[in-house]
């Protein structure tokens, strides 16, 4: 089975548009689809940002039998979050989610993939997802650098962001690289109105406590930061990451299908 689609790469990159009051009022009636992968998962800070903009959250867990919609006509956008599984796993729900991402791509709806969700988006677009060649991980805070395209789209990127992953993605053909890193060079990309970020802007303080407790064994993996660094680095970098997320989410939801823009 092929997950590849390449309809939407290569469009000219422009800064996020500002949403007009009438557009905000109209979109606030539409929920945002939230795809989670564990029973205890939450949309965290991303969910908080969406609620602050007036959006309800339509939370679904396909891993546990929730269906995904056949169209996003009744949603303002969709966010696929992370999880401990791999985009390369053979589980049916993983393959169904990757296939489903073709819908927001085809309909040009705002789509955001976070960590695993970004890797699923990359798979759908035909790119490879794989572990680091030296088995390195990113668990904790690590530097990222916005590209010229990323800075033009959304200024004031944080110097470091929170990660928890063992695999990375290649840049899909025709996609625009928005941020890069060191051990995992592809940190954020865009294809049409779909965006993928390898890092975790969704993580709240409570989530960090939970992850570093339940996932404590992972902190001994090559490249991982010790637990106390997660919290000391958060004190330094979290304000910038949160401000960037609020700006990003607002601009991301303002992206509309080309036909919808023409009709306005």
C-alpha atoms as a PDB file:
ATOM      1  CA  UNK A   1       0.000   0.000   0.000  1.00  0.00           C
ATOM      2  CA  UNK A   2       1.283   3.449  -0.853  1.00  0.00           C
ATOM      3  CA  UNK A   3       0.699   6.349   1.525  1.00  0.00           C
ATOM      4  CA  UNK A   4       2.102   8.897  -0.889  1.00  0.00           C
ATOM      5  CA  UNK A   5       0.334  11.975  -2.177  1.00  0.00           C
ATOM      6  CA  UNK A   6       2.049  15.030  -3.685  1.00  0.00           C
ATOM      7  CA  UNK A   7      -0.763  17.356  -4.684  1.00  0.00           C
ATOM      8  CA  UNK A   8      -0.065  20.266  -2.419  1.00  0.00           C
ATOM      9  CA  UNK A   9       3.663  20.974  -2.197  1.00  0.00           C
ATOM     10  CA  UNK A  10       5.422  23.868  -3.816  1.00  0.00           C
ATOM     11  CA  UNK A  11       2.865  26.620  -3.264  1.00  0.00           C
ATOM     12  CA  UNK A  12       4.278  30.057  -2.500  1.00  0.00           C
ATOM     13  CA  UNK A  13       4.909  30.564   1.206  1.00  0.00           C
ATOM     14  CA  UNK A  14       3.370  33.703   2.714  1.00  0.00           C
ATOM     15  CA  UNK A  15       3.115  34.818   6.351  1.00  0.00           C
ATOM     16  CA  UNK A  16       0.201  33.556   8.395  1.00  0.00           C
ATOM     17  CA  UNK A  17      -2.836  35.756   7.656  1.00  0.00           C
ATOM     18  CA  UNK A  18      -4.609  37.660  10.390  1.00  0.00           C
ATOM     19  CA  UNK A  19      -8.104  36.398  11.108  1.00  0.00           C
ATOM     20  CA  UNK A  20     -10.825  39.016  10.816  1.00  0.00           C
ATOM     21  CA  UNK A  21     -13.423  39.284  13.620  1.00  0.00           C
ATOM     22  CA  UNK A  22     -16.118  37.919  11.295  1.00  0.00           C
ATOM     23  CA  UNK A  23     -13.940  34.954  10.343  1.00  0.00           C
ATOM     24  CA  UNK A  24     -13.177  34.221  13.996  1.00  0.00           C
ATOM     25  CA  UNK A  25     -16.871  34.367  14.876  1.00  0.00           C
ATOM     26  CA  UNK A  26     -17.759  31.994  12.039  1.00  0.00           C
ATOM     27  CA  UNK A  27     -14.956  29.511  12.725  1.00  0.00           C
ATOM     28  CA  UNK A  28     -15.666  29.476  16.472  1.00  0.00           C
ATOM     29  CA  UNK A  29     -18.798  27.445  15.721  1.00  0.00           C
ATOM     30  CA  UNK A  30     -16.662  24.661  14.268  1.00  0.00           C
ATOM     31  CA  UNK A  31     -14.743  22.252  16.488  1.00  0.00           C
ATOM     32  CA  UNK A  32     -11.158  21.186  15.902  1.00  0.00           C
ATOM     33  CA  UNK A  33     -10.605  17.458  15.455  1.00  0.00           C
ATOM     34  CA  UNK A  34      -8.145  16.109  18.049  1.00  0.00           C
ATOM     35  CA  UNK A  35      -6.572  12.673  17.442  1.00  0.00           C
ATOM     36  CA  UNK A  36      -4.952  11.074  20.492  1.00  0.00           C
ATOM     37  CA  UNK A  37      -3.198   7.732  20.867  1.00  0.00           C
ATOM     38  CA  UNK A  38      -3.434   6.721  24.527  1.00  0.00           C
ATOM     39  CA  UNK A  39      -6.351   6.470  26.940  1.00  0.00           C
ATOM     40  CA  UNK A  40      -4.784   9.004  29.312  1.00  0.00           C
ATOM     41  CA  UNK A  41      -3.526  11.437  26.647  1.00  0.00           C
ATOM     42  CA  UNK A  42      -4.742  15.031  26.541  1.00  0.00           C
ATOM     43  CA  UNK A  43      -4.281  17.805  23.958  1.00  0.00           C
ATOM     44  CA  UNK A  44      -2.413  19.795  26.601  1.00  0.00           C
ATOM     45  CA  UNK A  45      -1.378  23.324  25.773  1.00  0.00           C
ATOM     46  CA  UNK A  46      -2.529  23.031  22.152  1.00  0.00           C
ATOM     47  CA  UNK A  47      -6.015  22.253  23.412  1.00  0.00           C
ATOM     48  CA  UNK A  48      -5.836  25.228  25.763  1.00  0.00           C
ATOM     49  CA  UNK A  49      -4.840  27.523  22.889  1.00  0.00           C
ATOM     50  CA  UNK A  50      -7.691  26.253  20.725  1.00  0.00           C
ATOM     51  CA  UNK A  51     -10.265  26.696  23.489  1.00  0.00           C
ATOM     52  CA  UNK A  52      -8.987  30.227  24.097  1.00  0.00           C
ATOM     53  CA  UNK A  53      -9.793  30.993  20.451  1.00  0.00           C
ATOM     54  CA  UNK A  54     -13.356  29.764  20.932  1.00  0.00           C
ATOM     55  CA  UNK A  55     -13.084  26.275  19.428  1.00  0.00           C
ATOM     56  CA  UNK A  56     -14.600  23.148  20.879  1.00  0.00           C
ATOM     57  CA  UNK A  57     -12.473  19.998  20.757  1.00  0.00           C
ATOM     58  CA  UNK A  58     -13.752  16.877  19.007  1.00  0.00           C
ATOM     59  CA  UNK A  59     -11.494  14.308  20.683  1.00  0.00           C
ATOM     60  CA  UNK A  60     -11.124  10.897  19.068  1.00  0.00           C
ATOM     61  CA  UNK A  61      -8.900   7.905  19.776  1.00  0.00           C
ATOM     62  CA  UNK A  62      -8.863   5.656  16.680  1.00  0.00           C
ATOM     63  CA  UNK A  63      -6.613   3.194  18.497  1.00  0.00           C
ATOM     64  CA  UNK A  64      -9.593   2.400  20.739  1.00  0.00           C
ATOM     65  CA  UNK A  65     -12.229   2.266  18.004  1.00  0.00           C
ATOM     66  CA  UNK A  66     -13.244   5.896  17.438  1.00  0.00           C
ATOM     67  CA  UNK A  67     -13.949   6.589  13.748  1.00  0.00           C
ATOM     68  CA  UNK A  68     -12.386   9.496  11.900  1.00  0.00           C
ATOM     69  CA  UNK A  69     -14.640  11.739   9.784  1.00  0.00           C
ATOM     70  CA  UNK A  70     -14.941  11.242   6.040  1.00  0.00           C
ATOM     71  CA  UNK A  71     -14.627  15.008   5.516  1.00  0.00           C
ATOM     72  CA  UNK A  72     -13.479  18.014   7.538  1.00  0.00           C
ATOM     73  CA  UNK A  73     -16.303  20.223   6.279  1.00  0.00           C
ATOM     74  CA  UNK A  74     -17.641  20.413   9.842  1.00  0.00           C
ATOM     75  CA  UNK A  75     -14.265  21.052  11.482  1.00  0.00           C
ATOM     76  CA  UNK A  76     -12.017  24.109  11.604  1.00  0.00           C
ATOM     77  CA  UNK A  77      -8.946  21.875  11.366  1.00  0.00           C
ATOM     78  CA  UNK A  78      -7.337  18.699  12.681  1.00  0.00           C
ATOM     79  CA  UNK A  79      -4.431  17.930  15.020  1.00  0.00           C
ATOM     80  CA  UNK A  80      -2.812  14.483  15.269  1.00  0.00           C
ATOM     81  CA  UNK A  81      -0.748  14.169  18.429  1.00  0.00           C
ATOM     82  CA  UNK A  82       2.155  11.986  19.520  1.00  0.00           C
ATOM     83  CA  UNK A  83       2.477   8.637  21.229  1.00  0.00           C
ATOM     84  CA  UNK A  84       4.977   5.899  22.051  1.00  0.00           C
ATOM     85  CA  UNK A  85       4.213   3.947  18.897  1.00  0.00           C
ATOM     86  CA  UNK A  86       5.933   4.322  15.505  1.00  0.00           C
ATOM     87  CA  UNK A  87       4.567   5.536  12.198  1.00  0.00           C
ATOM     88  CA  UNK A  88       6.215   2.394  10.794  1.00  0.00           C
ATOM     89  CA  UNK A  89       4.188   0.019  12.965  1.00  0.00           C
ATOM     90  CA  UNK A  90       1.975  -2.472  11.159  1.00  0.00           C
ATOM     91  CA  UNK A  91      -1.059  -1.965  13.431  1.00  0.00           C
ATOM     92  CA  UNK A  92      -4.249  -1.336  11.468  1.00  0.00           C
ATOM     93  CA  UNK A  93      -5.064   1.909  13.266  1.00  0.00           C
ATOM     94  CA  UNK A  94      -1.635   3.354  12.378  1.00  0.00           C
ATOM     95  CA  UNK A  95      -2.123   2.564   8.703  1.00  0.00           C
ATOM     96  CA  UNK A  96      -5.701   3.878   8.760  1.00  0.00           C
ATOM     97  CA  UNK A  97      -4.603   7.174  10.320  1.00  0.00           C
ATOM     98  CA  UNK A  98      -1.857   7.653   7.736  1.00  0.00           C
ATOM     99  CA  UNK A  99      -4.339   6.947   4.955  1.00  0.00           C
ATOM    100  CA  UNK A 100      -6.909   9.291   6.550  1.00  0.00           C
ATOM    101  CA  UNK A 101      -4.491  12.243   6.416  1.00  0.00           C
ATOM    102  CA  UNK A 102      -5.146  12.316   2.667  1.00  0.00           C
ATOM    103  CA  UNK A 103      -8.528  13.899   3.491  1.00  0.00           C
ATOM    104  CA  UNK A 104      -7.269  17.181   5.036  1.00  0.00           C
ATOM    105  CA  UNK A 105      -4.587  17.317   2.334  1.00  0.00           C
ATOM    106  CA  UNK A 106      -7.142  16.910  -0.443  1.00  0.00           C
ATOM    107  CA  UNK A 107      -9.590  19.354   1.156  1.00  0.00           C
ATOM    108  CA  UNK A 108      -6.770  21.814   1.978  1.00  0.00           C
ATOM    109  CA  UNK A 109      -7.937  22.052   5.590  1.00  0.00           C
ATOM    110  CA  UNK A 110      -5.607  23.171   8.378  1.00  0.00           C
ATOM    111  CA  UNK A 111      -3.769  20.082   9.610  1.00  0.00           C
ATOM    112  CA  UNK A 112      -1.116  19.875  12.323  1.00  0.00           C
ATOM    113  CA  UNK A 113       0.927  16.783  13.154  1.00  0.00           C
ATOM    114  CA  UNK A 114       2.905  16.756  16.408  1.00  0.00           C
ATOM    115  CA  UNK A 115       5.820  14.300  16.799  1.00  0.00           C
ATOM    116  CA  UNK A 116       4.189  10.971  15.777  1.00  0.00           C
ATOM    117  CA  UNK A 117       1.527  13.008  13.948  1.00  0.00           C
ATOM    118  CA  UNK A 118       4.237  14.799  11.951  1.00  0.00           C
ATOM    119  CA  UNK A 119       5.844  11.456  11.112  1.00  0.00           C
ATOM    120  CA  UNK A 120       2.463  10.135   9.930  1.00  0.00           C
ATOM    121  CA  UNK A 121       2.078  13.216   7.724  1.00  0.00           C
ATOM    122  CA  UNK A 122       5.571  12.613   6.309  1.00  0.00           C
ATOM    123  CA  UNK A 123       4.658   8.986   5.576  1.00  0.00           C
ATOM    124  CA  UNK A 124       1.456  10.070   3.820  1.00  0.00           C
ATOM    125  CA  UNK A 125       3.551  12.411   1.674  1.00  0.00           C
ATOM    126  CA  UNK A 126       5.935   9.614   0.717  1.00  0.00           C
ATOM    127  CA  UNK A 127       8.867  10.369   3.045  1.00  0.00           C
ATOM    128  CA  UNK A 128      10.783   7.913   5.202  1.00  0.00           C
ATOM    129  CA  UNK A 129      10.573   7.771   9.009  1.00  0.00           C
ATOM    130  CA  UNK A 130      13.494   6.074  10.774  1.00  0.00           C
ATOM    131  CA  UNK A 131      15.612   6.034  13.956  1.00  0.00           C
ATOM    132  CA  UNK A 132      18.818   8.054  14.114  1.00  0.00           C
ATOM    133  CA  UNK A 133      21.710   6.217  12.469  1.00  0.00           C
ATOM    134  CA  UNK A 134      23.623   6.335  15.780  1.00  0.00           C
ATOM    135  CA  UNK A 135      20.549   5.381  17.852  1.00  0.00           C
ATOM    136  CA  UNK A 136      20.385   8.875  19.382  1.00  0.00           C
ATOM    137  CA  UNK A 137      17.178  10.185  20.884  1.00  0.00           C
ATOM    138  CA  UNK A 138      15.838  13.635  21.716  1.00  0.00           C
ATOM    139  CA  UNK A 139      14.186  13.585  25.145  1.00  0.00           C
ATOM    140  CA  UNK A 140      14.217  17.009  26.772  1.00  0.00           C
ATOM    141  CA  UNK A 141      14.971  20.485  25.403  1.00  0.00           C
ATOM    142  CA  UNK A 142      17.117  20.902  22.261  1.00  0.00           C
ATOM    143  CA  UNK A 143      17.909  23.848  19.969  1.00  0.00           C
ATOM    144  CA  UNK A 144      16.040  24.456  16.747  1.00  0.00           C
ATOM    145  CA  UNK A 145      16.678  27.058  14.061  1.00  0.00           C
ATOM    146  CA  UNK A 146      13.914  28.476  11.872  1.00  0.00           C
ATOM    147  CA  UNK A 147      14.716  28.581   8.193  1.00  0.00           C
ATOM    148  CA  UNK A 148      14.104  31.747   6.209  1.00  0.00           C
ATOM    149  CA  UNK A 149      10.735  30.276   5.198  1.00  0.00           C
ATOM    150  CA  UNK A 150       9.877  29.455   8.811  1.00  0.00           C
ATOM    151  CA  UNK A 151      10.790  32.917  10.025  1.00  0.00           C
ATOM    152  CA  UNK A 152       8.771  34.554   7.250  1.00  0.00           C
ATOM    153  CA  UNK A 153       5.750  32.441   8.134  1.00  0.00           C
ATOM    154  CA  UNK A 154       5.855  32.866  11.899  1.00  0.00           C
ATOM    155  CA  UNK A 155       8.452  35.063  13.664  1.00  0.00           C
ATOM    156  CA  UNK A 156       9.895  34.680  17.153  1.00  0.00           C
ATOM    157  CA  UNK A 157      10.586  30.952  17.204  1.00  0.00           C
ATOM    158  CA  UNK A 158      11.894  29.684  20.551  1.00  0.00           C
ATOM    159  CA  UNK A 159      15.617  28.910  20.773  1.00  0.00           C
ATOM    160  CA  UNK A 160      14.916  25.481  22.279  1.00  0.00           C
ATOM    161  CA  UNK A 161      11.814  23.281  22.310  1.00  0.00           C
ATOM    162  CA  UNK A 162      10.699  20.156  24.124  1.00  0.00           C
ATOM    163  CA  UNK A 163      11.147  16.762  22.471  1.00  0.00           C
ATOM    164  CA  UNK A 164      10.405  13.125  23.224  1.00  0.00           C
ATOM    165  CA  UNK A 165      11.201  10.910  20.247  1.00  0.00           C
ATOM    166  CA  UNK A 166      13.495   8.194  18.943  1.00  0.00           C
ATOM    167  CA  UNK A 167      12.713   8.545  15.231  1.00  0.00           C
ATOM    168  CA  UNK A 168      12.761  11.385  12.730  1.00  0.00           C
ATOM    169  CA  UNK A 169      11.344  12.068   9.292  1.00  0.00           C
ATOM    170  CA  UNK A 170      12.839  12.940   5.950  1.00  0.00           C
ATOM    171  CA  UNK A 171      11.550  16.099   4.298  1.00  0.00           C
ATOM    172  CA  UNK A 172       8.797  15.078   1.857  1.00  0.00           C
ATOM    173  CA  UNK A 173       9.217  16.007  -1.810  1.00  0.00           C
ATOM    174  CA  UNK A 174       7.823  19.484  -2.443  1.00  0.00           C
ATOM    175  CA  UNK A 175       7.485  20.313   1.263  1.00  0.00           C
ATOM    176  CA  UNK A 176       8.922  23.487   2.786  1.00  0.00           C
ATOM    177  CA  UNK A 177      11.365  23.085   5.674  1.00  0.00           C
ATOM    178  CA  UNK A 178      10.431  25.565   8.423  1.00  0.00           C
ATOM    179  CA  UNK A 179      12.865  24.648  11.212  1.00  0.00           C
ATOM    180  CA  UNK A 180      15.971  22.516  11.490  1.00  0.00           C
ATOM    181  CA  UNK A 181      18.035  20.948  14.251  1.00  0.00           C
ATOM    182  CA  UNK A 182      21.290  19.096  14.789  1.00  0.00           C
ATOM    183  CA  UNK A 183      20.907  15.351  15.423  1.00  0.00           C
ATOM    184  CA  UNK A 184      17.468  15.349  13.760  1.00  0.00           C
ATOM    185  CA  UNK A 185      17.749  17.986  11.026  1.00  0.00           C
ATOM    186  CA  UNK A 186      14.074  18.177  10.013  1.00  0.00           C
ATOM    187  CA  UNK A 187      12.129  19.776  12.854  1.00  0.00           C
ATOM    188  CA  UNK A 188       9.160  21.454  11.171  1.00  0.00           C
ATOM    189  CA  UNK A 189       7.727  21.493   7.659  1.00  0.00           C
ATOM    190  CA  UNK A 190       4.745  22.583   5.646  1.00  0.00           C
ATOM    191  CA  UNK A 191       2.925  21.098   2.668  1.00  0.00           C
ATOM    192  CA  UNK A 192      -0.006  23.244   1.590  1.00  0.00           C
ATOM    193  CA  UNK A 193      -2.095  23.888   4.704  1.00  0.00           C
ATOM    194  CA  UNK A 194      -0.605  20.876   6.505  1.00  0.00           C
ATOM    195  CA  UNK A 195       2.171  21.347   9.060  1.00  0.00           C
ATOM    196  CA  UNK A 196       4.318  18.886  10.955  1.00  0.00           C
ATOM    197  CA  UNK A 197       6.533  19.578  13.984  1.00  0.00           C
ATOM    198  CA  UNK A 198       8.883  17.007  15.488  1.00  0.00           C
ATOM    199  CA  UNK A 199       8.802  18.687  18.909  1.00  0.00           C
ATOM    200  CA  UNK A 200       6.095  18.956  21.593  1.00  0.00           C
ATOM    201  CA  UNK A 201       4.653  22.463  22.061  1.00  0.00           C
ATOM    202  CA  UNK A 202       1.630  20.718  23.626  1.00  0.00           C
ATOM    203  CA  UNK A 203       3.412  19.648  26.829  1.00  0.00           C
ATOM    204  CA  UNK A 204       2.208  21.293  30.033  1.00  0.00           C
ATOM    205  CA  UNK A 205       4.055  21.277  33.359  1.00  0.00           C
ATOM    206  CA  UNK A 206       1.798  18.476  34.616  1.00  0.00           C
ATOM    207  CA  UNK A 207       2.392  16.439  31.443  1.00  0.00           C
ATOM    208  CA  UNK A 208       6.152  16.834  31.866  1.00  0.00           C
ATOM    209  CA  UNK A 209       5.920  15.426  35.386  1.00  0.00           C
ATOM    210  CA  UNK A 210       3.872  12.492  34.095  1.00  0.00           C
ATOM    211  CA  UNK A 211       6.125  11.728  31.112  1.00  0.00           C
ATOM    212  CA  UNK A 212       9.380  11.947  33.057  1.00  0.00           C
ATOM    213  CA  UNK A 213       7.937   9.690  35.765  1.00  0.00           C
ATOM    214  CA  UNK A 214       6.264   7.015  33.655  1.00  0.00           C
ATOM    215  CA  UNK A 215       8.957   7.212  30.990  1.00  0.00           C
ATOM    216  CA  UNK A 216      11.877   7.484  33.394  1.00  0.00           C
ATOM    217  CA  UNK A 217      13.700   4.514  31.829  1.00  0.00           C
ATOM    218  CA  UNK A 218      13.840   6.422  28.535  1.00  0.00           C
ATOM    219  CA  UNK A 219      15.937   9.143  30.138  1.00  0.00           C
ATOM    220  CA  UNK A 220      18.956   6.845  30.036  1.00  0.00           C
ATOM    221  CA  UNK A 221      18.783   6.516  26.227  1.00  0.00           C
ATOM    222  CA  UNK A 222      21.650   7.968  24.169  1.00  0.00           C
ATOM    223  CA  UNK A 223      21.170  11.701  23.750  1.00  0.00           C
ATOM    224  CA  UNK A 224      18.400  12.031  26.355  1.00  0.00           C
ATOM    225  CA  UNK A 225      18.562  14.782  28.969  1.00  0.00           C
ATOM    226  CA  UNK A 226      18.525  13.939  32.676  1.00  0.00           C
ATOM    227  CA  UNK A 227      15.188  14.527  34.374  1.00  0.00           C
ATOM    228  CA  UNK A 228      16.175  17.624  36.328  1.00  0.00           C
ATOM    229  CA  UNK A 229      17.261  19.329  33.100  1.00  0.00           C
ATOM    230  CA  UNK A 230      13.719  19.002  31.712  1.00  0.00           C
ATOM    231  CA  UNK A 231      12.436  21.284  34.454  1.00  0.00           C
ATOM    232  CA  UNK A 232      15.361  23.682  34.678  1.00  0.00           C
ATOM    233  CA  UNK A 233      15.322  24.128  30.881  1.00  0.00           C
ATOM    234  CA  UNK A 234      11.563  24.634  30.945  1.00  0.00           C
ATOM    235  CA  UNK A 235      12.047  27.576  33.297  1.00  0.00           C
ATOM    236  CA  UNK A 236      14.305  29.162  30.662  1.00  0.00           C
ATOM    237  CA  UNK A 237      12.568  28.296  27.391  1.00  0.00           C
ATOM    238  CA  UNK A 238       8.870  27.741  28.111  1.00  0.00           C
ATOM    239  CA  UNK A 239       7.725  31.369  27.911  1.00  0.00           C
ATOM    240  CA  UNK A 240       9.076  31.712  24.368  1.00  0.00           C
ATOM    241  CA  UNK A 241       7.681  28.344  23.277  1.00  0.00           C
ATOM    242  CA  UNK A 242       4.243  29.182  24.637  1.00  0.00           C
ATOM    243  CA  UNK A 243       4.171  32.595  22.928  1.00  0.00           C
ATOM    244  CA  UNK A 244       5.226  31.006  19.649  1.00  0.00           C
ATOM    245  CA  UNK A 245       2.506  28.343  19.959  1.00  0.00           C
ATOM    246  CA  UNK A 246      -0.262  30.906  20.532  1.00  0.00           C
ATOM    247  CA  UNK A 247       0.839  32.855  17.444  1.00  0.00           C
ATOM    248  CA  UNK A 248       1.254  29.704  15.388  1.00  0.00           C
ATOM    249  CA  UNK A 249      -2.140  28.186  16.254  1.00  0.00           C
ATOM    250  CA  UNK A 250      -4.026  31.383  15.467  1.00  0.00           C
ATOM    251  CA  UNK A 251      -2.303  31.776  12.090  1.00  0.00           C
ATOM    252  CA  UNK A 252      -2.580  28.061  11.281  1.00  0.00           C
ATOM    253  CA  UNK A 253      -6.371  28.104  11.730  1.00  0.00           C
ATOM    254  CA  UNK A 254      -6.629  31.164   9.475  1.00  0.00           C
ATOM    255  CA  UNK A 255      -5.409  29.144   6.489  1.00  0.00           C
ATOM    256  CA  UNK A 256      -8.310  28.367   4.201  1.00  0.00           C
ATOM    257  CA  UNK A 257      -8.794  26.238   1.096  1.00  0.00           C
ATOM    258  CA  UNK A 258      -8.079  28.125  -2.102  1.00  0.00           C
ATOM    259  CA  UNK A 259     -11.682  27.802  -3.310  1.00  0.00           C
ATOM    260  CA  UNK A 260     -13.004  29.084   0.023  1.00  0.00           C
ATOM    261  CA  UNK A 261     -10.739  32.124  -0.181  1.00  0.00           C
ATOM    262  CA  UNK A 262     -11.918  32.849  -3.721  1.00  0.00           C
ATOM    263  CA  UNK A 263     -15.557  32.728  -2.593  1.00  0.00           C
ATOM    264  CA  UNK A 264     -15.091  35.254   0.219  1.00  0.00           C
END
